[in-house]
Amino acid sequence: MTENKTTGLRTGFSKLGNLTLGFKSGELVVLRARLGMGKTSFLISIAKNMAIDFNYSITFFSLEIEASQLENRMLCFKTLENKQS
């Protein structure tokens, strides 16, 4: 098992934390990939983990979808999470 050496803000994804050592205050993090690769879903998961699990304040921007669509996806994530509990 690898030791988690995260020194910045945790994302809830240990492999990402090991690669980045955690997000640092004041950083702008950009995720790029082709359409349909799951960028928004991945970032919603990170945002949920940081805001709810670790009690961090976050700001979320997406240039691909409207705010209402983003809200719907976040609600779907929460609904699925509640059903799995």
Protein backbone atom coordinates (compact mmCIF):
# COMPACT_ATOMS: atom_id res chain seq x y z
CA MET A 1 0.00 0.00 0.00
CA THR A 2 1.34 3.44 -0.92
CA GLU A 3 1.53 6.16 1.66
CA ASN A 4 -0.67 9.21 1.05
CA LYS A 5 1.63 12.23 0.92
CA THR A 6 -1.07 14.82 0.28
CA THR A 7 -0.09 18.20 1.70
CA GLY A 8 -2.81 20.33 0.10
CA LEU A 9 -6.59 20.08 -0.02
CA ARG A 10 -7.87 16.52 -0.34
CA THR A 11 -10.16 15.50 -3.20
CA GLY A 12 -11.33 12.11 -1.97
CA PHE A 13 -9.31 10.41 -4.73
CA SER A 14 -6.09 9.12 -3.20
CA LYS A 15 -4.33 8.47 -6.54
CA LEU A 16 -5.03 12.05 -7.62
CA GLY A 17 -3.80 13.27 -4.23
CA ASN A 18 -0.59 11.31 -4.63
CA LEU A 19 -0.01 12.77 -8.10
CA THR A 20 -0.80 16.39 -7.19
CA LEU A 21 0.00 16.31 -3.45
CA GLY A 22 -3.45 17.89 -3.04
CA PHE A 23 -4.86 21.13 -4.39
CA LYS A 24 -3.21 24.26 -3.03
CA SER A 25 -5.04 27.41 -1.97
CA GLY A 26 -5.25 29.91 -4.80
CA GLU A 27 -4.62 27.34 -7.55
CA LEU A 28 -6.74 27.20 -10.68
CA VAL A 29 -7.17 23.55 -11.63
CA VAL A 30 -8.11 22.81 -15.24
CA LEU A 31 -9.23 19.39 -16.47
CA ARG A 32 -9.12 18.78 -20.21
CA ALA A 33 -10.32 15.84 -22.26
CA ARG A 34 -12.43 15.09 -25.32
CA LEU A 35 -16.22 15.32 -25.23
CA GLY A 36 -18.00 12.48 -23.46
CA MET A 37 -15.01 11.37 -21.40
CA GLY A 38 -16.66 12.03 -18.01
CA LYS A 39 -14.97 15.30 -17.05
CA THR A 40 -18.08 16.85 -15.52
CA SER A 41 -19.01 13.70 -13.60
CA PHE A 42 -15.47 13.39 -12.25
CA LEU A 43 -15.39 17.03 -11.19
CA ILE A 44 -18.81 16.79 -9.56
CA SER A 45 -17.45 13.88 -7.52
CA ILE A 46 -14.41 15.92 -6.49
CA ALA A 47 -16.59 18.94 -5.67
CA LYS A 48 -18.94 16.79 -3.56
CA ASN A 49 -16.06 15.19 -1.70
CA MET A 50 -14.35 18.51 -1.01
CA ALA A 51 -17.51 20.36 0.04
CA ILE A 52 -19.33 17.66 2.00
CA ASP A 53 -16.74 15.15 3.15
CA PHE A 54 -13.91 17.62 3.90
CA ASN A 55 -15.93 20.83 4.50
CA TYR A 56 -13.97 22.95 2.00
CA SER A 57 -15.45 25.93 0.15
CA ILE A 58 -15.37 25.36 -3.59
CA THR A 59 -16.27 27.15 -6.82
CA PHE A 60 -17.30 25.11 -9.85
CA PHE A 61 -17.26 26.39 -13.45
CA SER A 62 -18.20 24.47 -16.58
CA LEU A 63 -18.03 25.84 -20.09
CA GLU A 64 -19.80 22.77 -21.49
CA ILE A 65 -23.16 22.77 -19.69
CA GLU A 66 -25.61 25.30 -18.27
CA ALA A 67 -26.00 25.87 -14.53
CA SER A 68 -29.41 24.14 -14.46
CA GLN A 69 -27.95 21.01 -16.07
CA LEU A 70 -25.11 21.07 -13.56
CA GLU A 71 -27.61 21.32 -10.69
CA ASN A 72 -29.55 18.34 -12.09
CA ARG A 73 -26.40 16.24 -12.32
CA MET A 74 -25.46 17.12 -8.74
CA LEU A 75 -28.95 16.13 -7.54
CA CYS A 76 -28.68 12.85 -9.45
CA PHE A 77 -25.33 12.13 -7.80
CA LYS A 78 -26.82 12.76 -4.36
CA THR A 79 -29.88 10.62 -5.14
CA LEU A 80 -27.72 7.71 -6.32
CA GLU A 81 -25.51 8.08 -3.27
CA ASN A 82 -28.54 7.94 -0.93
CA LYS A 83 -29.89 4.81 -2.70
CA GLN A 84 -26.54 3.05 -2.23
CA SER A 85 -26.50 3.76 1.52
